Amino acid sequence: MHPSDDPDPPDEADEDPASDAFFGDLIAAVDQQIASPATHYVAQAHARLVREGLGEDEAKELIAACLAEESDRMFRSRRPFDERAYRERLDHLPGEGA
């Protein structure tokens, strides 16, 4: 089914402002990580995704999803952020052609 064929497409009232704000915070964190020498691997993943055909914003959204997944695991299991697992997630992100 094509999105325009959806009999009940989502409208702006269906959006969750808290989720939107959280995702905005994740994107801001990704921007900081891209700029930081301490997290050079995030900038490398972003550059690779863009080279593979994704747009700048789409690449950041995929990275933010990885950050969210690892942050969720951290909170649920009450353990420190696993930078190695985060890096592995980034390494496995596909570009447009994957």
Foldseek 3Di string as FASTA:
>chain_A
DDQVPDPDHDDPVPDDVVVVVVLVVLLVVLVVLLVDPVNVLSVVLLVVQVVLPDDSVVSSSQLSVLVVVQVVVCVVVVHDRDVVSSSVSSVPDDHPVD
